[in-house]
Amino acid sequence: MKRIITTSALALTVVAGAFSQSAQIKIKAREAEIPVDVVESFKKDYKGTDAVEWAIVPAVIVGEEYVVSGYDNLNGEKPTSYEVTLKGDDIRAKAVYDKNGVLRYSKEVITHTALPDAVRNAVFKKYPGYTILKDQEIINQGKFNLIHYRVVLEKGTEKVTLAVNDSGKILKEIKQSHKAKHT
């Protein structure tokens, strides 16, 4: 009886450990290890951009807006998802492709982009006299398709960070005040 309880407890520990450890696994890979369909889709989707890093996704990954199922089953099937990271002068991005090269999720952050007139007008209407310190266009595609702009403003000792959609609606605002620097 003691042996059965010990064996059962050990089995439960191993199963629980396997689930908890496989929850966020990504395996770095070389481009040569990625299926040709995936690499070709990436090159078509992101013309003129080089991949900084490839990863094989063999388990369930929960990201900001996506869920990827890795192996089709536990019988040693090949991974079903691949993640690519891109970095350029004005862009940072991640994209997740399935084994057939279909883009399932992407997030791009583009800096030094011209803000649409609707965004600029909404920002300066609500915050007249403020200066734009930094702006980014953020594009999410996947379960939810969303384009919004992150704008950081400053006036005197006040600093405001805004998330604004492309029609000028302010989705979120964070106000901060910072102390003047003493010399």
N, C-alpha and C. Protein backbone atom coordinates (compact mmCIF):
# COMPACT_ATOMS: atom_id res chain seq x y z
N MET A 1 0.83 -1.19 0.00
CA MET A 1 0.00 0.00 0.00
C MET A 1 0.87 1.26 0.00
N LYS A 2 1.93 1.24 0.80
CA LYS A 2 2.84 2.37 0.89
C LYS A 2 3.50 2.62 -0.47
N ARG A 3 3.84 1.51 -1.17
CA ARG A 3 4.47 1.62 -2.48
C ARG A 3 3.50 2.25 -3.49
N ILE A 4 2.23 1.92 -3.43
CA ILE A 4 1.23 2.47 -4.35
C ILE A 4 1.07 3.97 -4.12
N ILE A 5 1.00 4.38 -2.86
CA ILE A 5 0.85 5.81 -2.54
C ILE A 5 2.09 6.57 -3.00
N THR A 6 3.27 6.01 -2.74
CA THR A 6 4.52 6.67 -3.15
C THR A 6 4.59 6.78 -4.66
N THR A 7 4.24 5.72 -5.37
CA THR A 7 4.27 5.72 -6.83
C THR A 7 3.26 6.72 -7.39
N SER A 8 2.07 6.75 -6.81
CA SER A 8 1.04 7.70 -7.26
C SER A 8 1.49 9.14 -7.05
N ALA A 9 2.07 9.42 -5.89
CA ALA A 9 2.54 10.77 -5.59
C ALA A 9 3.65 11.18 -6.55
N LEU A 10 4.57 10.26 -6.84
CA LEU A 10 5.65 10.54 -7.77
C LEU A 10 5.10 10.80 -9.17
N ALA A 11 4.13 10.02 -9.60
CA ALA A 11 3.53 10.19 -10.92
C ALA A 11 2.85 11.55 -11.04
N LEU A 12 2.11 11.94 -10.01
CA LEU A 12 1.45 13.25 -10.02
C LEU A 12 2.47 14.38 -10.06
N THR A 13 3.56 14.24 -9.33
CA THR A 13 4.62 15.25 -9.32
C THR A 13 5.24 15.39 -10.70
N VAL A 14 5.52 14.28 -11.36
CA VAL A 14 6.11 14.31 -12.69
C VAL A 14 5.16 14.95 -13.69
N VAL A 15 3.88 14.57 -13.67
CA VAL A 15 2.90 15.14 -14.59
C VAL A 15 2.74 16.63 -14.35
N ALA A 16 2.61 17.04 -13.09
CA ALA A 16 2.47 18.47 -12.77
C ALA A 16 3.71 19.24 -13.20
N GLY A 17 4.87 18.68 -12.97
CA GLY A 17 6.12 19.32 -13.37
C GLY A 17 6.22 19.45 -14.88
N ALA A 18 5.79 18.44 -15.60
CA ALA A 18 5.84 18.49 -17.07
C ALA A 18 4.94 19.59 -17.60
N PHE A 19 3.73 19.72 -17.04
CA PHE A 19 2.83 20.78 -17.50
C PHE A 19 3.38 22.16 -17.15
N SER A 20 3.90 22.34 -15.97
CA SER A 20 4.38 23.67 -15.58
C SER A 20 5.63 24.05 -16.35
N GLN A 21 6.51 23.11 -16.66
CA GLN A 21 7.73 23.45 -17.37
C GLN A 21 7.49 23.66 -18.85
N SER A 22 6.47 23.03 -19.43
CA SER A 22 6.24 23.18 -20.86
C SER A 22 5.38 24.40 -21.18
N ALA A 23 4.99 25.15 -20.18
CA ALA A 23 4.06 26.25 -20.40
C ALA A 23 4.67 27.40 -21.20
N GLN A 24 5.97 27.61 -21.15
CA GLN A 24 6.56 28.73 -21.86
C GLN A 24 7.91 28.36 -22.45
N ILE A 25 7.93 27.40 -23.33
CA ILE A 25 9.17 26.94 -23.92
C ILE A 25 9.30 27.51 -25.33
N LYS A 26 10.44 28.08 -25.62
CA LYS A 26 10.80 28.49 -26.97
C LYS A 26 12.23 28.00 -27.17
N ILE A 27 12.49 27.41 -28.31
CA ILE A 27 13.82 26.90 -28.59
C ILE A 27 14.42 27.74 -29.71
N LYS A 28 15.54 28.43 -29.41
CA LYS A 28 16.20 29.22 -30.44
C LYS A 28 16.65 28.29 -31.56
N ALA A 29 16.54 28.79 -32.78
CA ALA A 29 16.90 27.98 -33.94
C ALA A 29 17.56 28.86 -35.00
N ARG A 30 18.27 28.20 -35.89
CA ARG A 30 18.83 28.89 -37.05
C ARG A 30 17.77 28.89 -38.16
N GLU A 31 17.88 29.82 -39.07
CA GLU A 31 16.91 29.90 -40.16
C GLU A 31 16.87 28.59 -40.95
N ALA A 32 17.99 27.91 -41.07
CA ALA A 32 18.06 26.65 -41.81
C ALA A 32 17.22 25.54 -41.16
N GLU A 33 16.91 25.69 -39.86
CA GLU A 33 16.10 24.71 -39.14
C GLU A 33 14.60 24.96 -39.26
N ILE A 34 14.23 26.08 -39.87
CA ILE A 34 12.83 26.48 -39.99
C ILE A 34 12.31 25.99 -41.35
N PRO A 35 11.07 25.47 -41.41
CA PRO A 35 10.54 25.00 -42.69
C PRO A 35 10.57 26.09 -43.77
N VAL A 36 10.83 25.68 -44.99
CA VAL A 36 10.95 26.59 -46.12
C VAL A 36 9.70 27.45 -46.28
N ASP A 37 8.50 26.86 -46.12
CA ASP A 37 7.25 27.62 -46.26
C ASP A 37 7.18 28.78 -45.27
N VAL A 38 7.66 28.55 -44.06
CA VAL A 38 7.64 29.59 -43.03
C VAL A 38 8.60 30.71 -43.39
N VAL A 39 9.81 30.37 -43.79
CA VAL A 39 10.82 31.37 -44.14
C VAL A 39 10.36 32.17 -45.36
N GLU A 40 9.80 31.50 -46.36
CA GLU A 40 9.32 32.22 -47.55
C GLU A 40 8.17 33.16 -47.21
N SER A 41 7.26 32.73 -46.35
CA SER A 41 6.15 33.60 -45.93
C SER A 41 6.69 34.83 -45.19
N PHE A 42 7.65 34.60 -44.32
CA PHE A 42 8.26 35.71 -43.58
C PHE A 42 8.89 36.71 -44.55
N LYS A 43 9.66 36.22 -45.50
CA LYS A 43 10.34 37.12 -46.45
C LYS A 43 9.35 37.89 -47.31
N LYS A 44 8.20 37.27 -47.60
CA LYS A 44 7.15 37.95 -48.37
C LYS A 44 6.45 39.00 -47.49
N ASP A 45 6.16 38.65 -46.24
CA ASP A 45 5.45 39.56 -45.33
C ASP A 45 6.31 40.74 -44.89
N TYR A 46 7.61 40.51 -44.74
CA TYR A 46 8.52 41.54 -44.21
C TYR A 46 9.65 41.78 -45.20
N LYS A 47 9.31 42.20 -46.41
CA LYS A 47 10.30 42.43 -47.46
C LYS A 47 11.39 43.39 -46.99
N GLY A 48 12.63 43.02 -47.28
CA GLY A 48 13.76 43.89 -46.96
C GLY A 48 14.15 43.91 -45.50
N THR A 49 13.55 43.05 -44.68
CA THR A 49 13.87 43.00 -43.25
C THR A 49 14.52 41.66 -42.95
N ASP A 50 15.54 41.70 -42.12
CA ASP A 50 16.21 40.46 -41.73
C ASP A 50 15.73 40.01 -40.36
N ALA A 51 15.64 38.70 -40.21
CA ALA A 51 15.28 38.12 -38.91
C ALA A 51 16.48 38.20 -37.98
N VAL A 52 16.25 38.67 -36.76
CA VAL A 52 17.30 38.72 -35.75
C VAL A 52 17.39 37.38 -35.04
N GLU A 53 16.23 36.77 -34.82
CA GLU A 53 16.19 35.51 -34.09
C GLU A 53 14.98 34.68 -34.52
N TRP A 54 15.20 33.38 -34.66
CA TRP A 54 14.12 32.43 -34.93
C TRP A 54 13.96 31.56 -33.70
N ALA A 55 12.74 31.10 -33.44
CA ALA A 55 12.49 30.18 -32.34
C ALA A 55 11.43 29.17 -32.76
N ILE A 56 11.62 27.94 -32.31
CA ILE A 56 10.63 26.90 -32.49
C ILE A 56 9.77 26.92 -31.24
N VAL A 57 8.46 26.87 -31.42
CA VAL A 57 7.53 26.95 -30.30
C VAL A 57 6.86 25.58 -30.12
N PRO A 58 7.42 24.74 -29.25
CA PRO A 58 6.89 23.38 -29.11
C PRO A 58 5.90 23.20 -27.97
N ALA A 59 5.38 24.27 -27.41
CA ALA A 59 4.44 24.16 -26.29
C ALA A 59 3.48 25.32 -26.33
N VAL A 60 2.59 25.37 -25.39
CA VAL A 60 1.62 26.45 -25.35
C VAL A 60 2.31 27.71 -24.84
N ILE A 61 2.20 28.77 -25.60
CA ILE A 61 2.76 30.05 -25.23
C ILE A 61 1.59 31.03 -25.13
N VAL A 62 1.52 31.77 -24.08
CA VAL A 62 0.49 32.79 -23.95
C VAL A 62 1.21 34.12 -23.98
N GLY A 63 0.95 34.87 -25.04
CA GLY A 63 1.59 36.16 -25.20
C GLY A 63 0.62 37.26 -24.87
N GLU A 64 0.92 38.43 -25.37
CA GLU A 64 0.07 39.57 -25.08
C GLU A 64 -1.33 39.37 -25.65
N GLU A 65 -1.42 38.80 -26.85
CA GLU A 65 -2.73 38.62 -27.46
C GLU A 65 -2.82 37.32 -28.24
N TYR A 66 -1.95 36.37 -27.95
CA TYR A 66 -2.05 35.16 -28.74
C TYR A 66 -1.81 33.92 -27.91
N VAL A 67 -2.35 32.82 -28.40
CA VAL A 67 -2.12 31.52 -27.79
C VAL A 67 -1.74 30.60 -28.93
N VAL A 68 -0.65 29.89 -28.77
CA VAL A 68 -0.17 29.01 -29.81
C VAL A 68 -0.11 27.60 -29.24
N SER A 69 -0.65 26.64 -29.96
CA SER A 69 -0.56 25.25 -29.55
C SER A 69 0.63 24.65 -30.28
N GLY A 70 1.56 24.08 -29.55
CA GLY A 70 2.81 23.61 -30.12
C GLY A 70 2.71 22.28 -30.82
N TYR A 71 2.89 21.20 -30.12
CA TYR A 71 2.85 19.89 -30.75
C TYR A 71 1.40 19.48 -30.99
N ASP A 72 1.17 18.79 -32.12
CA ASP A 72 -0.17 18.29 -32.41
C ASP A 72 -0.56 17.22 -31.40
N ASN A 73 0.41 16.45 -30.95
CA ASN A 73 0.18 15.45 -29.91
C ASN A 73 1.51 15.18 -29.21
N LEU A 74 1.52 14.29 -28.28
CA LEU A 74 2.75 14.03 -27.53
C LEU A 74 3.53 12.85 -28.10
N ASN A 75 3.26 12.46 -29.33
CA ASN A 75 3.95 11.32 -29.93
C ASN A 75 5.13 11.75 -30.78
N GLY A 76 5.74 12.87 -30.46
CA GLY A 76 6.93 13.30 -31.17
C GLY A 76 6.68 14.02 -32.48
N GLU A 77 5.49 14.56 -32.68
CA GLU A 77 5.21 15.33 -33.89
C GLU A 77 6.13 16.55 -33.93
N LYS A 78 6.32 17.07 -35.12
CA LYS A 78 7.15 18.26 -35.27
C LYS A 78 6.42 19.47 -34.71
N PRO A 79 7.15 20.49 -34.30
CA PRO A 79 6.52 21.69 -33.77
C PRO A 79 5.60 22.32 -34.82
N THR A 80 4.57 22.99 -34.37
CA THR A 80 3.62 23.57 -35.31
C THR A 80 3.71 25.08 -35.39
N SER A 81 4.56 25.71 -34.61
CA SER A 81 4.64 27.16 -34.64
C SER A 81 6.09 27.62 -34.58
N TYR A 82 6.32 28.77 -35.22
CA TYR A 82 7.67 29.32 -35.28
C TYR A 82 7.57 30.82 -35.04
N GLU A 83 8.46 31.35 -34.20
CA GLU A 83 8.46 32.77 -33.88
C GLU A 83 9.70 33.40 -34.47
N VAL A 84 9.53 34.56 -35.07
CA VAL A 84 10.66 35.30 -35.62
C VAL A 84 10.67 36.69 -34.99
N THR A 85 11.86 37.16 -34.64
CA THR A 85 12.04 38.49 -34.07
C THR A 85 12.79 39.34 -35.09
N LEU A 86 12.31 40.56 -35.29
CA LEU A 86 12.93 41.48 -36.24
C LEU A 86 13.32 42.76 -35.51
N LYS A 87 14.42 43.33 -35.90
CA LYS A 87 14.83 44.63 -35.37
C LYS A 87 15.48 45.40 -36.50
N GLY A 88 15.10 46.65 -36.60
CA GLY A 88 15.68 47.53 -37.60
C GLY A 88 15.88 48.90 -36.99
N ASP A 89 16.25 49.86 -37.80
CA ASP A 89 16.47 51.20 -37.29
C ASP A 89 15.21 51.78 -36.64
N ASP A 90 14.08 51.58 -37.28
CA ASP A 90 12.84 52.18 -36.80
C ASP A 90 11.75 51.16 -36.50
N ILE A 91 12.10 49.87 -36.43
CA ILE A 91 11.08 48.85 -36.21
C ILE A 91 11.59 47.75 -35.29
N ARG A 92 10.69 47.29 -34.43
CA ARG A 92 10.89 46.07 -33.64
C ARG A 92 9.63 45.26 -33.85
N ALA A 93 9.78 43.96 -34.06
CA ALA A 93 8.59 43.15 -34.32
C ALA A 93 8.82 41.70 -33.93
N LYS A 94 7.69 41.03 -33.68
CA LYS A 94 7.66 39.58 -33.48
C LYS A 94 6.51 39.07 -34.32
N ALA A 95 6.72 37.91 -34.92
CA ALA A 95 5.67 37.28 -35.72
C ALA A 95 5.68 35.79 -35.41
N VAL A 96 4.49 35.20 -35.39
CA VAL A 96 4.35 33.77 -35.14
C VAL A 96 3.66 33.15 -36.35
N TYR A 97 4.31 32.13 -36.93
CA TYR A 97 3.79 31.41 -38.09
C TYR A 97 3.48 29.98 -37.70
N ASP A 98 2.46 29.40 -38.35
CA ASP A 98 2.21 27.97 -38.14
C ASP A 98 3.12 27.18 -39.08
N LYS A 99 3.04 25.86 -39.02
CA LYS A 99 3.97 25.01 -39.78
C LYS A 99 3.79 25.13 -41.29
N ASN A 100 2.66 25.70 -41.73
CA ASN A 100 2.41 25.88 -43.16
C ASN A 100 2.80 27.27 -43.66
N GLY A 101 3.35 28.09 -42.78
CA GLY A 101 3.76 29.43 -43.17
C GLY A 101 2.67 30.46 -43.09
N VAL A 102 1.58 30.16 -42.39
CA VAL A 102 0.48 31.12 -42.24
C VAL A 102 0.77 31.98 -41.01
N LEU A 103 0.75 33.29 -41.20
CA LEU A 103 0.99 34.23 -40.10
C LEU A 103 -0.18 34.17 -39.14
N ARG A 104 0.08 33.83 -37.87
CA ARG A 104 -0.97 33.72 -36.87
C ARG A 104 -1.03 34.92 -35.94
N TYR A 105 0.11 35.57 -35.72
CA TYR A 105 0.17 36.72 -34.81
C TYR A 105 1.37 37.56 -35.18
N SER A 106 1.22 38.86 -35.06
CA SER A 106 2.38 39.74 -35.21
C SER A 106 2.15 41.01 -34.39
N LYS A 107 3.25 41.55 -33.95
CA LYS A 107 3.23 42.84 -33.25
C LYS A 107 4.42 43.63 -33.76
N GLU A 108 4.14 44.81 -34.28
CA GLU A 108 5.18 45.69 -34.79
C GLU A 108 5.14 47.00 -34.02
N VAL A 109 6.30 47.50 -33.66
CA VAL A 109 6.43 48.81 -33.03
C VAL A 109 7.34 49.63 -33.94
N ILE A 110 6.76 50.68 -34.51
CA ILE A 110 7.48 51.52 -35.47
C ILE A 110 7.71 52.89 -34.83
N THR A 111 8.96 53.32 -34.79
CA THR A 111 9.28 54.63 -34.24
C THR A 111 9.55 55.61 -35.38
N HIS A 112 9.56 56.87 -35.06
CA HIS A 112 9.84 57.93 -36.03
C HIS A 112 8.89 57.84 -37.23
N THR A 113 7.62 57.66 -36.94
CA THR A 113 6.61 57.61 -37.99
C THR A 113 5.75 58.86 -37.90
N ALA A 114 5.25 59.30 -39.02
CA ALA A 114 4.38 60.48 -39.03
C ALA A 114 3.04 60.10 -38.42
N LEU A 115 2.63 60.84 -37.41
CA LEU A 115 1.33 60.59 -36.79
C LEU A 115 0.23 61.04 -37.74
N PRO A 116 -0.86 60.26 -37.85
CA PRO A 116 -1.99 60.71 -38.66
C PRO A 116 -2.56 62.02 -38.12
N ASP A 117 -3.14 62.82 -39.01
CA ASP A 117 -3.70 64.11 -38.61
C ASP A 117 -4.70 63.97 -37.48
N ALA A 118 -5.55 62.94 -37.53
CA ALA A 118 -6.57 62.75 -36.49
C ALA A 118 -5.92 62.55 -35.13
N VAL A 119 -4.79 61.85 -35.08
CA VAL A 119 -4.08 61.61 -33.82
C VAL A 119 -3.46 62.91 -33.33
N ARG A 120 -2.74 63.60 -34.21
CA ARG A 120 -2.09 64.87 -33.82
C ARG A 120 -3.13 65.88 -33.32
N ASN A 121 -4.24 66.00 -34.06
CA ASN A 121 -5.27 66.97 -33.69
C ASN A 121 -5.87 66.64 -32.32
N ALA A 122 -6.17 65.37 -32.07
CA ALA A 122 -6.76 64.97 -30.78
C ALA A 122 -5.79 65.22 -29.63
N VAL A 123 -4.53 64.91 -29.86
CA VAL A 123 -3.51 65.07 -28.81
C VAL A 123 -3.35 66.55 -28.46
N PHE A 124 -3.19 67.40 -29.47
CA PHE A 124 -2.95 68.82 -29.19
C PHE A 124 -4.20 69.57 -28.77
N LYS A 125 -5.38 69.04 -29.11
CA LYS A 125 -6.62 69.65 -28.62
C LYS A 125 -6.74 69.44 -27.12
N LYS A 126 -6.43 68.21 -26.66
CA LYS A 126 -6.55 67.91 -25.24
C LYS A 126 -5.35 68.44 -24.44
N TYR A 127 -4.18 68.51 -25.07
CA TYR A 127 -2.96 68.93 -24.37
C TYR A 127 -2.27 70.07 -25.13
N PRO A 128 -2.93 71.26 -25.20
CA PRO A 128 -2.30 72.38 -25.92
C PRO A 128 -1.04 72.84 -25.19
N GLY A 129 -0.04 73.20 -25.97
CA GLY A 129 1.20 73.70 -25.39
C GLY A 129 2.19 72.60 -25.02
N TYR A 130 1.81 71.34 -25.13
CA TYR A 130 2.71 70.23 -24.85
C TYR A 130 3.59 69.94 -26.07
N THR A 131 4.72 69.35 -25.83
CA THR A 131 5.66 68.96 -26.88
C THR A 131 5.71 67.45 -26.95
N ILE A 132 5.75 66.93 -28.17
CA ILE A 132 5.89 65.47 -28.34
C ILE A 132 7.35 65.09 -28.12
N LEU A 133 7.59 64.24 -27.14
CA LEU A 133 8.94 63.74 -26.88
C LEU A 133 9.23 62.50 -27.72
N LYS A 134 8.22 61.66 -27.85
CA LYS A 134 8.42 60.37 -28.51
C LYS A 134 7.08 59.88 -29.03
N ASP A 135 7.09 59.19 -30.18
CA ASP A 135 5.87 58.56 -30.66
C ASP A 135 6.20 57.24 -31.33
N GLN A 136 5.24 56.33 -31.27
CA GLN A 136 5.40 55.00 -31.87
C GLN A 136 4.06 54.57 -32.44
N GLU A 137 4.12 53.87 -33.56
CA GLU A 137 2.93 53.22 -34.10
C GLU A 137 3.03 51.74 -33.71
N ILE A 138 1.97 51.21 -33.13
CA ILE A 138 1.96 49.82 -32.68
C ILE A 138 0.86 49.09 -33.43
N ILE A 139 1.26 48.03 -34.12
CA ILE A 139 0.32 47.26 -34.94
C ILE A 139 0.28 45.84 -34.43
N ASN A 140 -0.89 45.41 -33.97
CA ASN A 140 -1.10 44.03 -33.52
C ASN A 140 -2.03 43.34 -34.51
N GLN A 141 -1.64 42.16 -34.94
CA GLN A 141 -2.50 41.37 -35.82
C GLN A 141 -2.57 39.97 -35.24
N GLY A 142 -3.73 39.40 -35.24
CA GLY A 142 -3.93 38.06 -34.69
C GLY A 142 -5.36 37.92 -34.27
N LYS A 143 -5.58 37.50 -33.03
CA LYS A 143 -6.94 37.35 -32.52
C LYS A 143 -7.68 38.68 -32.62
N PHE A 144 -6.99 39.77 -32.27
CA PHE A 144 -7.54 41.12 -32.40
C PHE A 144 -6.59 41.92 -33.27
N ASN A 145 -7.13 42.61 -34.25
CA ASN A 145 -6.32 43.49 -35.08
C ASN A 145 -6.47 44.90 -34.52
N LEU A 146 -5.36 45.50 -34.15
CA LEU A 146 -5.40 46.80 -33.51
C LEU A 146 -4.19 47.63 -33.94
N ILE A 147 -4.47 48.85 -34.36
CA ILE A 147 -3.41 49.80 -34.64
C ILE A 147 -3.64 50.97 -33.70
N HIS A 148 -2.61 51.31 -32.94
CA HIS A 148 -2.71 52.50 -32.10
C HIS A 148 -1.34 53.16 -32.01
N TYR A 149 -1.35 54.35 -31.45
CA TYR A 149 -0.14 55.16 -31.38
C TYR A 149 0.16 55.45 -29.91
N ARG A 150 1.41 55.31 -29.54
CA ARG A 150 1.87 55.67 -28.19
C ARG A 150 2.59 57.00 -28.34
N VAL A 151 2.09 58.00 -27.63
CA VAL A 151 2.63 59.35 -27.74
C VAL A 151 3.02 59.82 -26.34
N VAL A 152 4.26 60.28 -26.20
CA VAL A 152 4.74 60.81 -24.93
C VAL A 152 4.89 62.31 -25.08
N LEU A 153 4.20 63.05 -24.20
CA LEU A 153 4.18 64.52 -24.24
C LEU A 153 4.83 65.09 -23.00
N GLU A 154 5.28 66.34 -23.11
CA GLU A 154 5.87 67.01 -21.94
C GLU A 154 5.56 68.50 -22.01
N LYS A 155 5.29 69.05 -20.83
CA LYS A 155 5.11 70.50 -20.68
C LYS A 155 5.58 70.84 -19.28
N GLY A 156 6.67 71.57 -19.19
CA GLY A 156 7.23 71.91 -17.88
C GLY A 156 7.62 70.64 -17.12
N THR A 157 7.03 70.48 -15.94
CA THR A 157 7.35 69.29 -15.12
C THR A 157 6.34 68.17 -15.31
N GLU A 158 5.40 68.37 -16.22
CA GLU A 158 4.39 67.34 -16.45
C GLU A 158 4.74 66.51 -17.69
N LYS A 159 4.50 65.23 -17.55
CA LYS A 159 4.74 64.29 -18.64
C LYS A 159 3.49 63.42 -18.77
N VAL A 160 3.03 63.20 -20.00
CA VAL A 160 1.83 62.41 -20.26
C VAL A 160 2.14 61.38 -21.33
N THR A 161 1.73 60.14 -21.08
CA THR A 161 1.85 59.08 -22.07
C THR A 161 0.45 58.69 -22.50
N LEU A 162 0.21 58.70 -23.81
CA LEU A 162 -1.11 58.42 -24.35
C LEU A 162 -1.08 57.21 -25.29
N ALA A 163 -2.17 56.48 -25.31
CA ALA A 163 -2.44 55.48 -26.35
C ALA A 163 -3.63 56.03 -27.11
N VAL A 164 -3.47 56.22 -28.43
CA VAL A 164 -4.49 56.86 -29.24
C VAL A 164 -4.74 55.99 -30.48
N ASN A 165 -6.03 55.74 -30.80
CA ASN A 165 -6.29 54.94 -32.00
C ASN A 165 -6.16 55.84 -33.23
N ASP A 166 -6.23 55.24 -34.42
CA ASP A 166 -5.96 55.99 -35.64
C ASP A 166 -7.03 57.03 -35.98
N SER A 167 -8.19 56.97 -35.32
CA SER A 167 -9.20 58.00 -35.56
C SER A 167 -9.11 59.14 -34.55
N GLY A 168 -8.15 59.07 -33.62
CA GLY A 168 -7.93 60.15 -32.67
C GLY A 168 -8.55 59.94 -31.30
N LYS A 169 -9.16 58.81 -31.06
CA LYS A 169 -9.74 58.54 -29.75
C LYS A 169 -8.62 58.16 -28.77
N ILE A 170 -8.58 58.84 -27.64
CA ILE A 170 -7.58 58.55 -26.62
C ILE A 170 -8.04 57.33 -25.83
N LEU A 171 -7.28 56.25 -25.95
CA LEU A 171 -7.64 54.98 -25.32
C LEU A 171 -7.15 54.88 -23.88
N LYS A 172 -6.01 55.51 -23.61
CA LYS A 172 -5.42 55.44 -22.28
C LYS A 172 -4.49 56.63 -22.10
N GLU A 173 -4.45 57.14 -20.89
CA GLU A 173 -3.51 58.22 -20.60
C GLU A 173 -2.93 58.04 -19.20
N ILE A 174 -1.64 58.27 -19.12
CA ILE A 174 -0.91 58.17 -17.85
C ILE A 174 -0.19 59.49 -17.65
N LYS A 175 -0.54 60.17 -16.55
CA LYS A 175 0.08 61.46 -16.25
C LYS A 175 1.13 61.27 -15.18
N GLN A 176 2.26 61.95 -15.37
CA GLN A 176 3.34 61.93 -14.38
C GLN A 176 3.85 63.36 -14.22
N SER A 177 4.30 63.64 -13.05
CA SER A 177 5.00 64.92 -12.89
C SER A 177 6.38 64.58 -12.37
N HIS A 178 7.36 65.27 -12.91
CA HIS A 178 8.73 65.02 -12.47
C HIS A 178 9.30 66.33 -11.95
N LYS A 179 10.19 66.20 -11.03
CA LYS A 179 10.79 67.38 -10.41
C LYS A 179 11.82 67.99 -11.34
N ALA A 180 11.92 69.29 -11.24
CA ALA A 180 12.93 69.98 -12.05
C ALA A 180 14.31 69.58 -11.56
N LYS A 181 15.23 69.49 -12.50
CA LYS A 181 16.61 69.10 -12.16
C LYS A 181 17.33 70.31 -11.57
N HIS A 182 18.05 70.07 -10.50
CA HIS A 182 18.83 71.13 -9.88
C HIS A 182 20.27 71.02 -10.35
N THR A 183 20.88 72.16 -10.63
CA THR A 183 22.28 72.14 -11.06
C THR A 183 23.20 72.61 -9.98
